[in-house]
Amino acid sequence: HVGGRFLQAFRAEASEVNEHSLVGLETHYGKVLVKQVAGILARRVVCWVHPGQQLRAGERLGVIKFGSRVDLYLPPEAEPVVQVGGQTRAGVTVIARWNGEEE
């Protein structure tokens, strides 16, 4: 958890200066970084996972009270299947596929 400001989450600089939580995931496909970013109204970021904890695909790892923004950093081998800025649903929306992965 990193403290910070509470700018409107859609602003570009919000990712760097707003309060946020970082979760690094190691998968057999590569490393993924999830950044939960607080916003002007959504000031509470809650992370439910702990270092070393194993997660399954689609498992929820936290919540941003009242919703806000999540930045997802994928390795180059990942092929996004959603558009930047698109809406997703936790545990339901497929965000990316790994090169060569079957649908």
N, C-alpha and C. Protein backbone atom coordinates (compact mmCIF):
# COMPACT_ATOMS: atom_id res chain seq x y z
N HIS A 1 0.84 -1.18 0.00
CA HIS A 1 0.00 0.00 0.00
C HIS A 1 0.88 1.24 0.00
N VAL A 2 0.56 2.19 -0.88
CA VAL A 2 1.32 3.42 -1.00
C VAL A 2 0.36 4.59 -0.83
N GLY A 3 0.60 5.42 0.18
CA GLY A 3 -0.25 6.59 0.41
C GLY A 3 -0.08 7.61 -0.70
N GLY A 4 -1.00 8.54 -0.78
CA GLY A 4 -0.89 9.57 -1.82
C GLY A 4 -2.11 10.46 -1.86
N ARG A 5 -2.29 11.09 -3.00
CA ARG A 5 -3.38 12.03 -3.20
C ARG A 5 -4.64 11.30 -3.63
N PHE A 6 -5.69 12.08 -3.91
CA PHE A 6 -6.97 11.51 -4.34
C PHE A 6 -7.53 12.30 -5.52
N LEU A 7 -6.73 12.39 -6.58
CA LEU A 7 -7.19 13.05 -7.80
C LEU A 7 -8.24 12.19 -8.48
N GLN A 8 -8.96 12.76 -9.44
CA GLN A 8 -9.90 11.97 -10.22
C GLN A 8 -9.11 10.85 -10.90
N ALA A 9 -9.58 9.63 -10.75
CA ALA A 9 -8.82 8.46 -11.18
C ALA A 9 -8.57 8.41 -12.68
N PHE A 10 -9.42 9.04 -13.48
CA PHE A 10 -9.22 8.98 -14.93
C PHE A 10 -8.09 9.88 -15.41
N ARG A 11 -7.62 10.78 -14.56
CA ARG A 11 -6.51 11.66 -14.95
C ARG A 11 -5.22 10.84 -15.07
N ALA A 12 -4.43 11.13 -16.08
CA ALA A 12 -3.21 10.36 -16.35
C ALA A 12 -2.28 10.32 -15.15
N GLU A 13 -2.10 11.44 -14.47
CA GLU A 13 -1.16 11.49 -13.36
C GLU A 13 -1.66 10.77 -12.10
N ALA A 14 -2.94 10.42 -12.05
CA ALA A 14 -3.50 9.75 -10.88
C ALA A 14 -2.78 8.44 -10.57
N SER A 15 -2.37 7.73 -11.60
CA SER A 15 -1.69 6.45 -11.40
C SER A 15 -0.40 6.60 -10.61
N GLU A 16 0.26 7.74 -10.78
CA GLU A 16 1.54 7.97 -10.10
C GLU A 16 1.40 8.63 -8.74
N VAL A 17 0.43 9.54 -8.59
CA VAL A 17 0.38 10.34 -7.36
C VAL A 17 -0.72 9.94 -6.39
N ASN A 18 -1.72 9.20 -6.85
CA ASN A 18 -2.81 8.81 -5.95
C ASN A 18 -2.42 7.64 -5.06
N GLU A 19 -3.15 7.52 -3.96
CA GLU A 19 -2.99 6.35 -3.09
C GLU A 19 -3.26 5.11 -3.92
N HIS A 20 -2.45 4.06 -3.71
CA HIS A 20 -2.65 2.84 -4.48
C HIS A 20 -2.07 1.62 -3.77
N SER A 21 -2.44 0.48 -4.28
CA SER A 21 -1.95 -0.80 -3.78
C SER A 21 -1.37 -1.55 -4.96
N LEU A 22 -0.22 -2.19 -4.76
CA LEU A 22 0.43 -2.96 -5.83
C LEU A 22 0.44 -4.44 -5.47
N VAL A 23 0.09 -5.27 -6.44
CA VAL A 23 0.16 -6.72 -6.26
C VAL A 23 0.91 -7.29 -7.46
N GLY A 24 2.03 -7.94 -7.20
CA GLY A 24 2.79 -8.60 -8.25
C GLY A 24 2.43 -10.07 -8.29
N LEU A 25 2.15 -10.57 -9.47
CA LEU A 25 1.78 -11.96 -9.65
C LEU A 25 2.80 -12.66 -10.54
N GLU A 26 3.22 -13.84 -10.14
CA GLU A 26 4.09 -14.66 -10.98
C GLU A 26 3.26 -15.83 -11.48
N THR A 27 3.16 -15.95 -12.80
CA THR A 27 2.41 -17.04 -13.40
C THR A 27 3.36 -17.89 -14.24
N HIS A 28 2.90 -19.04 -14.69
CA HIS A 28 3.76 -19.84 -15.55
C HIS A 28 3.87 -19.21 -16.94
N TYR A 29 3.10 -18.17 -17.21
CA TYR A 29 3.20 -17.43 -18.48
C TYR A 29 4.13 -16.23 -18.37
N GLY A 30 4.27 -15.67 -17.18
CA GLY A 30 5.08 -14.47 -16.99
C GLY A 30 4.59 -13.68 -15.78
N LYS A 31 5.21 -12.54 -15.55
CA LYS A 31 4.85 -11.70 -14.40
C LYS A 31 3.81 -10.67 -14.80
N VAL A 32 2.90 -10.38 -13.85
CA VAL A 32 1.83 -9.41 -14.03
C VAL A 32 1.82 -8.50 -12.82
N LEU A 33 1.59 -7.22 -13.03
CA LEU A 33 1.49 -6.26 -11.93
C LEU A 33 0.11 -5.64 -11.96
N VAL A 34 -0.57 -5.67 -10.80
CA VAL A 34 -1.90 -5.09 -10.66
C VAL A 34 -1.79 -3.88 -9.73
N LYS A 35 -2.24 -2.72 -10.19
CA LYS A 35 -2.20 -1.50 -9.38
C LYS A 35 -3.63 -1.01 -9.18
N GLN A 36 -4.11 -1.07 -7.93
CA GLN A 36 -5.44 -0.56 -7.59
C GLN A 36 -5.26 0.91 -7.18
N VAL A 37 -5.89 1.82 -7.90
CA VAL A 37 -5.69 3.25 -7.69
C VAL A 37 -6.94 3.88 -7.07
N ALA A 38 -6.76 4.56 -5.93
CA ALA A 38 -7.87 5.27 -5.30
C ALA A 38 -8.20 6.51 -6.13
N GLY A 39 -9.37 7.10 -5.88
CA GLY A 39 -9.79 8.28 -6.63
C GLY A 39 -10.37 9.34 -5.72
N ILE A 40 -11.02 10.32 -6.32
CA ILE A 40 -11.56 11.45 -5.58
C ILE A 40 -12.68 11.01 -4.63
N LEU A 41 -13.48 10.04 -5.04
CA LEU A 41 -14.55 9.51 -4.18
C LEU A 41 -14.17 8.16 -3.59
N ALA A 42 -13.51 7.34 -4.38
CA ALA A 42 -13.11 6.00 -3.95
C ALA A 42 -11.77 6.10 -3.24
N ARG A 43 -11.80 6.40 -1.96
CA ARG A 43 -10.56 6.66 -1.22
C ARG A 43 -10.06 5.45 -0.45
N ARG A 44 -10.73 4.33 -0.58
CA ARG A 44 -10.33 3.15 0.19
C ARG A 44 -10.00 1.99 -0.73
N VAL A 45 -8.73 1.62 -0.77
CA VAL A 45 -8.27 0.47 -1.55
C VAL A 45 -8.00 -0.66 -0.56
N VAL A 46 -8.60 -1.81 -0.81
CA VAL A 46 -8.43 -2.96 0.08
C VAL A 46 -7.82 -4.11 -0.71
N CYS A 47 -6.72 -4.64 -0.21
CA CYS A 47 -6.05 -5.78 -0.84
C CYS A 47 -6.25 -7.00 0.06
N TRP A 48 -6.77 -8.07 -0.51
CA TRP A 48 -7.07 -9.27 0.27
C TRP A 48 -5.97 -10.32 0.22
N VAL A 49 -4.98 -10.16 -0.63
CA VAL A 49 -3.95 -11.20 -0.77
C VAL A 49 -2.70 -10.85 0.02
N HIS A 50 -1.91 -11.87 0.30
CA HIS A 50 -0.69 -11.73 1.09
C HIS A 50 0.49 -12.30 0.30
N PRO A 51 1.70 -11.84 0.57
CA PRO A 51 2.87 -12.37 -0.14
C PRO A 51 2.93 -13.89 -0.05
N GLY A 52 3.18 -14.51 -1.19
CA GLY A 52 3.29 -15.97 -1.24
C GLY A 52 1.98 -16.70 -1.45
N GLN A 53 0.87 -15.99 -1.33
CA GLN A 53 -0.44 -16.63 -1.49
C GLN A 53 -0.65 -17.03 -2.94
N GLN A 54 -1.21 -18.22 -3.16
CA GLN A 54 -1.49 -18.68 -4.52
C GLN A 54 -2.92 -18.32 -4.88
N LEU A 55 -3.10 -17.84 -6.11
CA LEU A 55 -4.41 -17.46 -6.61
C LEU A 55 -4.75 -18.28 -7.85
N ARG A 56 -6.04 -18.43 -8.10
CA ARG A 56 -6.52 -19.09 -9.31
C ARG A 56 -7.01 -18.03 -10.29
N ALA A 57 -7.05 -18.36 -11.56
CA ALA A 57 -7.57 -17.43 -12.57
C ALA A 57 -8.98 -17.00 -12.19
N GLY A 58 -9.24 -15.70 -12.24
CA GLY A 58 -10.55 -15.18 -11.92
C GLY A 58 -10.79 -14.90 -10.45
N GLU A 59 -9.85 -15.29 -9.60
CA GLU A 59 -10.01 -15.05 -8.16
C GLU A 59 -9.83 -13.57 -7.85
N ARG A 60 -10.67 -13.04 -7.00
CA ARG A 60 -10.59 -11.63 -6.64
C ARG A 60 -9.44 -11.41 -5.66
N LEU A 61 -8.71 -10.33 -5.86
CA LEU A 61 -7.57 -10.06 -4.99
C LEU A 61 -7.75 -8.82 -4.13
N GLY A 62 -8.83 -8.07 -4.35
CA GLY A 62 -9.08 -6.88 -3.54
C GLY A 62 -10.27 -6.13 -4.08
N VAL A 63 -10.49 -4.96 -3.49
CA VAL A 63 -11.63 -4.12 -3.90
C VAL A 63 -11.26 -2.66 -3.68
N ILE A 64 -11.83 -1.81 -4.50
CA ILE A 64 -11.71 -0.37 -4.29
C ILE A 64 -13.12 0.09 -3.93
N LYS A 65 -13.30 0.53 -2.71
CA LYS A 65 -14.63 0.94 -2.24
C LYS A 65 -15.17 2.05 -3.14
N PHE A 66 -16.37 1.88 -3.66
CA PHE A 66 -17.06 2.80 -4.56
C PHE A 66 -16.47 2.79 -5.97
N GLY A 67 -15.57 1.86 -6.26
CA GLY A 67 -15.01 1.72 -7.61
C GLY A 67 -14.02 2.81 -7.96
N SER A 68 -13.12 2.52 -8.84
CA SER A 68 -12.14 3.50 -9.27
C SER A 68 -11.39 2.97 -10.47
N ARG A 69 -10.10 2.80 -10.35
CA ARG A 69 -9.25 2.45 -11.49
C ARG A 69 -8.27 1.35 -11.11
N VAL A 70 -8.05 0.44 -12.04
CA VAL A 70 -7.03 -0.58 -11.88
C VAL A 70 -6.13 -0.53 -13.11
N ASP A 71 -4.84 -0.37 -12.88
CA ASP A 71 -3.85 -0.42 -13.96
C ASP A 71 -3.25 -1.82 -13.96
N LEU A 72 -3.18 -2.42 -15.11
CA LEU A 72 -2.68 -3.78 -15.24
C LEU A 72 -1.48 -3.76 -16.18
N TYR A 73 -0.36 -4.25 -15.69
CA TYR A 73 0.87 -4.29 -16.48
C TYR A 73 1.15 -5.74 -16.86
N LEU A 74 1.15 -6.01 -18.16
CA LEU A 74 1.32 -7.36 -18.68
C LEU A 74 2.66 -7.48 -19.41
N PRO A 75 3.22 -8.70 -19.45
CA PRO A 75 4.46 -8.90 -20.22
C PRO A 75 4.17 -8.81 -21.72
N PRO A 76 5.19 -8.61 -22.52
CA PRO A 76 5.00 -8.47 -23.97
C PRO A 76 4.33 -9.68 -24.64
N GLU A 77 4.45 -10.85 -24.03
CA GLU A 77 3.87 -12.06 -24.61
C GLU A 77 2.35 -12.09 -24.51
N ALA A 78 1.77 -11.24 -23.68
CA ALA A 78 0.32 -11.22 -23.48
C ALA A 78 -0.35 -10.41 -24.59
N GLU A 79 -1.47 -10.90 -25.07
CA GLU A 79 -2.25 -10.20 -26.08
C GLU A 79 -3.55 -9.72 -25.45
N PRO A 80 -3.69 -8.40 -25.23
CA PRO A 80 -4.93 -7.87 -24.63
C PRO A 80 -6.14 -8.18 -25.52
N VAL A 81 -7.25 -8.52 -24.88
CA VAL A 81 -8.50 -8.75 -25.61
C VAL A 81 -9.56 -7.74 -25.22
N VAL A 82 -9.21 -6.78 -24.37
CA VAL A 82 -10.09 -5.66 -24.04
C VAL A 82 -9.38 -4.38 -24.48
N GLN A 83 -10.15 -3.34 -24.69
CA GLN A 83 -9.60 -2.05 -25.11
C GLN A 83 -9.13 -1.25 -23.90
N VAL A 84 -8.10 -0.43 -24.09
CA VAL A 84 -7.65 0.48 -23.03
C VAL A 84 -8.84 1.36 -22.66
N GLY A 85 -9.12 1.46 -21.37
CA GLY A 85 -10.24 2.26 -20.89
C GLY A 85 -11.56 1.52 -20.90
N GLY A 86 -11.58 0.29 -21.40
CA GLY A 86 -12.81 -0.48 -21.45
C GLY A 86 -13.23 -0.95 -20.06
N GLN A 87 -14.51 -1.23 -19.92
CA GLN A 87 -15.01 -1.71 -18.64
C GLN A 87 -14.85 -3.22 -18.56
N THR A 88 -14.54 -3.68 -17.36
CA THR A 88 -14.38 -5.10 -17.11
C THR A 88 -15.17 -5.47 -15.87
N ARG A 89 -15.39 -6.74 -15.70
CA ARG A 89 -16.09 -7.22 -14.52
C ARG A 89 -15.19 -8.21 -13.79
N ALA A 90 -14.95 -7.93 -12.52
CA ALA A 90 -14.01 -8.73 -11.72
C ALA A 90 -14.39 -10.21 -11.73
N GLY A 91 -13.38 -11.04 -12.00
CA GLY A 91 -13.58 -12.48 -11.97
C GLY A 91 -14.34 -13.04 -13.16
N VAL A 92 -14.75 -12.17 -14.11
CA VAL A 92 -15.56 -12.61 -15.24
C VAL A 92 -14.89 -12.27 -16.58
N THR A 93 -14.48 -11.02 -16.73
CA THR A 93 -13.93 -10.55 -18.01
C THR A 93 -12.52 -11.10 -18.25
N VAL A 94 -12.32 -11.70 -19.40
CA VAL A 94 -10.98 -12.12 -19.81
C VAL A 94 -10.29 -10.86 -20.34
N ILE A 95 -9.14 -10.53 -19.77
CA ILE A 95 -8.44 -9.30 -20.12
C ILE A 95 -7.39 -9.53 -21.19
N ALA A 96 -6.70 -10.65 -21.12
CA ALA A 96 -5.64 -10.94 -22.09
C ALA A 96 -5.49 -12.44 -22.26
N ARG A 97 -4.90 -12.80 -23.38
CA ARG A 97 -4.54 -14.20 -23.63
C ARG A 97 -3.04 -14.23 -23.88
N TRP A 98 -2.43 -15.32 -23.50
CA TRP A 98 -0.99 -15.49 -23.73
C TRP A 98 -0.79 -16.05 -25.12
N ASN A 99 0.23 -15.60 -25.81
CA ASN A 99 0.53 -16.09 -27.16
C ASN A 99 0.47 -17.61 -27.20
N GLY A 100 -0.31 -18.14 -28.13
CA GLY A 100 -0.41 -19.58 -28.28
C GLY A 100 -1.46 -20.24 -27.41
N GLU A 101 -2.09 -19.49 -26.50
CA GLU A 101 -3.10 -20.07 -25.61
C GLU A 101 -4.40 -20.28 -26.37
N GLU A 102 -5.01 -21.42 -26.15
CA GLU A 102 -6.30 -21.74 -26.77
C GLU A 102 -7.41 -20.95 -26.09
N GLU A 103 -8.46 -20.62 -26.84
CA GLU A 103 -9.60 -19.90 -26.25
C GLU A 103 -10.54 -20.87 -25.58
